[in-house]
Amino acid sequence: MAKYKVILHFSDGDVEDDNYGEFYSSKAEAESAGQEGLHDTQTGAEILNLSNPGDNPYDPQDFDQAWYEVVKVK
């Protein structure tokens, strides 16, 4: 049975492996996790900016070019 993982890509060149050793059993499940991962990352950046904008600048346009990749691993 195939397994899938999600890799998040950000406009500044950062790449984050979303799985931390866990894999998804379907491509649809991985797609959902990728969408959620991008949303959660943007929400976290907004919250950090609200708590300390000097140390945590936030520009929503930084997430315009963010995307996720679903990779078949097994």
N, C-alpha and C. Protein backbone atom coordinates (compact mmCIF):
# COMPACT_ATOMS: atom_id res chain seq x y z
N MET A 1 0.84 -1.18 0.00
CA MET A 1 0.00 0.00 0.00
C MET A 1 0.88 1.24 0.00
N ALA A 2 0.53 2.21 -0.81
CA ALA A 2 1.31 3.45 -0.93
C ALA A 2 1.12 4.32 0.30
N LYS A 3 2.17 5.03 0.65
CA LYS A 3 2.15 6.01 1.72
C LYS A 3 2.60 7.34 1.13
N TYR A 4 2.15 8.43 1.73
CA TYR A 4 2.44 9.76 1.23
C TYR A 4 2.95 10.66 2.34
N LYS A 5 3.76 11.64 1.96
CA LYS A 5 4.19 12.66 2.91
C LYS A 5 4.00 14.02 2.27
N VAL A 6 4.05 15.06 3.09
CA VAL A 6 3.82 16.43 2.64
C VAL A 6 5.08 17.25 2.91
N ILE A 7 5.45 18.05 1.93
CA ILE A 7 6.56 18.97 2.08
C ILE A 7 6.02 20.37 1.80
N LEU A 8 6.23 21.29 2.74
CA LEU A 8 5.78 22.67 2.59
C LEU A 8 6.92 23.51 2.03
N HIS A 9 6.61 24.37 1.06
CA HIS A 9 7.60 25.25 0.43
C HIS A 9 7.14 26.69 0.62
N PHE A 10 8.08 27.56 1.04
CA PHE A 10 7.75 28.95 1.31
C PHE A 10 8.51 29.88 0.38
N SER A 11 8.00 31.09 0.19
CA SER A 11 8.56 32.02 -0.79
C SER A 11 9.99 32.44 -0.47
N ASP A 12 10.39 32.34 0.79
CA ASP A 12 11.76 32.73 1.15
C ASP A 12 12.76 31.59 0.94
N GLY A 13 12.27 30.47 0.40
CA GLY A 13 13.15 29.33 0.12
C GLY A 13 13.14 28.26 1.20
N ASP A 14 12.52 28.55 2.32
CA ASP A 14 12.43 27.54 3.38
C ASP A 14 11.58 26.36 2.92
N VAL A 15 12.00 25.18 3.33
CA VAL A 15 11.28 23.95 3.03
C VAL A 15 11.09 23.21 4.34
N GLU A 16 9.87 22.76 4.58
CA GLU A 16 9.56 22.06 5.83
C GLU A 16 8.90 20.72 5.53
N ASP A 17 9.51 19.67 6.06
CA ASP A 17 8.92 18.34 5.95
C ASP A 17 7.87 18.24 7.03
N ASP A 18 6.62 18.16 6.63
CA ASP A 18 5.49 18.23 7.56
C ASP A 18 5.25 16.95 8.34
N ASN A 19 5.92 15.87 8.00
CA ASN A 19 5.51 14.58 8.53
C ASN A 19 6.16 14.17 9.85
N TYR A 20 7.35 14.61 10.11
CA TYR A 20 8.03 14.21 11.35
C TYR A 20 7.99 12.70 11.55
N GLY A 21 8.24 11.96 10.46
CA GLY A 21 8.28 10.50 10.55
C GLY A 21 6.95 9.82 10.35
N GLU A 22 5.88 10.58 10.19
CA GLU A 22 4.55 9.99 9.97
C GLU A 22 4.18 10.14 8.50
N PHE A 23 3.41 9.17 8.02
CA PHE A 23 2.99 9.19 6.63
C PHE A 23 1.48 9.07 6.56
N TYR A 24 0.92 9.51 5.44
CA TYR A 24 -0.52 9.46 5.22
C TYR A 24 -0.86 8.27 4.34
N SER A 25 -1.99 7.68 4.58
CA SER A 25 -2.36 6.46 3.86
C SER A 25 -3.03 6.73 2.52
N SER A 26 -3.42 7.97 2.26
CA SER A 26 -4.01 8.29 0.96
C SER A 26 -3.52 9.66 0.50
N LYS A 27 -3.57 9.85 -0.80
CA LYS A 27 -3.16 11.13 -1.36
C LYS A 27 -4.11 12.23 -0.90
N ALA A 28 -5.40 11.93 -0.81
CA ALA A 28 -6.38 12.92 -0.36
C ALA A 28 -6.10 13.37 1.07
N GLU A 29 -5.72 12.43 1.93
CA GLU A 29 -5.38 12.76 3.32
C GLU A 29 -4.14 13.66 3.35
N ALA A 30 -3.16 13.37 2.52
CA ALA A 30 -1.95 14.19 2.45
C ALA A 30 -2.26 15.58 1.91
N GLU A 31 -3.13 15.67 0.89
CA GLU A 31 -3.52 16.97 0.34
C GLU A 31 -4.17 17.83 1.43
N SER A 32 -5.06 17.23 2.19
CA SER A 32 -5.73 17.94 3.27
C SER A 32 -4.71 18.42 4.31
N ALA A 33 -3.76 17.58 4.64
CA ALA A 33 -2.72 17.94 5.61
C ALA A 33 -1.85 19.08 5.07
N GLY A 34 -1.58 19.08 3.78
CA GLY A 34 -0.79 20.15 3.18
C GLY A 34 -1.51 21.49 3.27
N GLN A 35 -2.80 21.49 2.95
CA GLN A 35 -3.59 22.72 3.04
C GLN A 35 -3.64 23.21 4.49
N GLU A 36 -3.85 22.29 5.40
CA GLU A 36 -3.91 22.66 6.82
C GLU A 36 -2.56 23.17 7.31
N GLY A 37 -1.48 22.55 6.85
CA GLY A 37 -0.15 22.97 7.26
C GLY A 37 0.15 24.40 6.82
N LEU A 38 -0.20 24.74 5.59
CA LEU A 38 0.02 26.12 5.12
C LEU A 38 -0.84 27.11 5.91
N HIS A 39 -2.08 26.74 6.15
CA HIS A 39 -2.98 27.62 6.92
C HIS A 39 -2.45 27.82 8.33
N ASP A 40 -2.05 26.74 8.98
CA ASP A 40 -1.57 26.83 10.37
C ASP A 40 -0.27 27.64 10.46
N THR A 41 0.59 27.50 9.47
CA THR A 41 1.85 28.25 9.47
C THR A 41 1.57 29.75 9.34
N GLN A 42 0.65 30.12 8.46
CA GLN A 42 0.31 31.53 8.29
C GLN A 42 -0.35 32.07 9.55
N THR A 43 -1.26 31.32 10.14
CA THR A 43 -1.92 31.75 11.37
C THR A 43 -0.90 31.94 12.49
N GLY A 44 0.04 31.02 12.60
CA GLY A 44 1.09 31.15 13.62
C GLY A 44 1.93 32.39 13.43
N ALA A 45 2.26 32.71 12.18
CA ALA A 45 3.04 33.91 11.89
C ALA A 45 2.26 35.17 12.27
N GLU A 46 0.97 35.17 12.00
CA GLU A 46 0.13 36.31 12.38
C GLU A 46 0.11 36.50 13.90
N ILE A 47 -0.05 35.41 14.63
CA ILE A 47 -0.12 35.48 16.09
C ILE A 47 1.21 35.95 16.67
N LEU A 48 2.32 35.43 16.16
CA LEU A 48 3.62 35.88 16.65
C LEU A 48 3.82 37.37 16.39
N ASN A 49 3.36 37.83 15.24
CA ASN A 49 3.47 39.25 14.92
C ASN A 49 2.66 40.09 15.88
N LEU A 50 1.46 39.63 16.24
CA LEU A 50 0.63 40.38 17.18
C LEU A 50 1.27 40.46 18.56
N SER A 51 1.97 39.40 18.95
CA SER A 51 2.56 39.38 20.29
C SER A 51 3.85 40.18 20.36
N ASN A 52 4.60 40.26 19.27
CA ASN A 52 5.87 40.99 19.27
C ASN A 52 6.25 41.34 17.83
N PRO A 53 5.66 42.38 17.27
CA PRO A 53 5.89 42.70 15.86
C PRO A 53 7.34 43.06 15.53
N GLY A 54 8.07 43.59 16.49
CA GLY A 54 9.47 43.94 16.23
C GLY A 54 10.33 42.74 15.91
N ASP A 55 10.09 41.64 16.60
CA ASP A 55 10.87 40.42 16.39
C ASP A 55 10.22 39.46 15.40
N ASN A 56 8.95 39.68 15.11
CA ASN A 56 8.21 38.76 14.25
C ASN A 56 7.45 39.51 13.17
N PRO A 57 8.18 40.05 12.19
CA PRO A 57 7.46 40.77 11.13
C PRO A 57 6.55 39.81 10.37
N TYR A 58 5.45 40.33 9.88
CA TYR A 58 4.49 39.51 9.15
C TYR A 58 4.01 40.26 7.91
N ASP A 59 4.12 39.61 6.79
CA ASP A 59 3.61 40.15 5.54
C ASP A 59 2.80 39.05 4.87
N PRO A 60 1.50 39.23 4.73
CA PRO A 60 0.67 38.18 4.13
C PRO A 60 1.14 37.77 2.74
N GLN A 61 1.80 38.68 2.04
CA GLN A 61 2.31 38.35 0.70
C GLN A 61 3.39 37.28 0.75
N ASP A 62 4.04 37.11 1.89
CA ASP A 62 5.04 36.05 2.02
C ASP A 62 4.41 34.68 1.81
N PHE A 63 3.12 34.58 2.03
CA PHE A 63 2.45 33.29 1.90
C PHE A 63 1.74 33.12 0.55
N ASP A 64 1.76 34.17 -0.27
CA ASP A 64 1.13 34.07 -1.60
C ASP A 64 1.80 33.02 -2.48
N GLN A 65 3.09 32.87 -2.33
CA GLN A 65 3.84 31.92 -3.15
C GLN A 65 4.11 30.60 -2.43
N ALA A 66 3.58 30.44 -1.23
CA ALA A 66 3.77 29.20 -0.47
C ALA A 66 2.96 28.08 -1.13
N TRP A 67 3.51 26.89 -1.10
CA TRP A 67 2.81 25.75 -1.69
C TRP A 67 3.25 24.47 -0.98
N TYR A 68 2.50 23.41 -1.20
CA TYR A 68 2.86 22.12 -0.62
C TYR A 68 2.99 21.09 -1.73
N GLU A 69 3.74 20.08 -1.42
CA GLU A 69 4.00 19.00 -2.35
C GLU A 69 3.66 17.68 -1.66
N VAL A 70 2.90 16.86 -2.34
CA VAL A 70 2.60 15.51 -1.83
C VAL A 70 3.53 14.54 -2.54
N VAL A 71 4.26 13.77 -1.74
CA VAL A 71 5.25 12.85 -2.29
C VAL A 71 4.89 11.42 -1.91
N LYS A 72 4.87 10.55 -2.89
CA LYS A 72 4.63 9.13 -2.64
C LYS A 72 5.95 8.51 -2.16
N VAL A 73 5.91 7.87 -0.99
CA VAL A 73 7.15 7.35 -0.40
C VAL A 73 7.24 5.84 -0.38
N LYS A 74 6.13 5.12 -0.49
CA LYS A 74 6.19 3.66 -0.47
C LYS A 74 5.22 3.09 -1.46
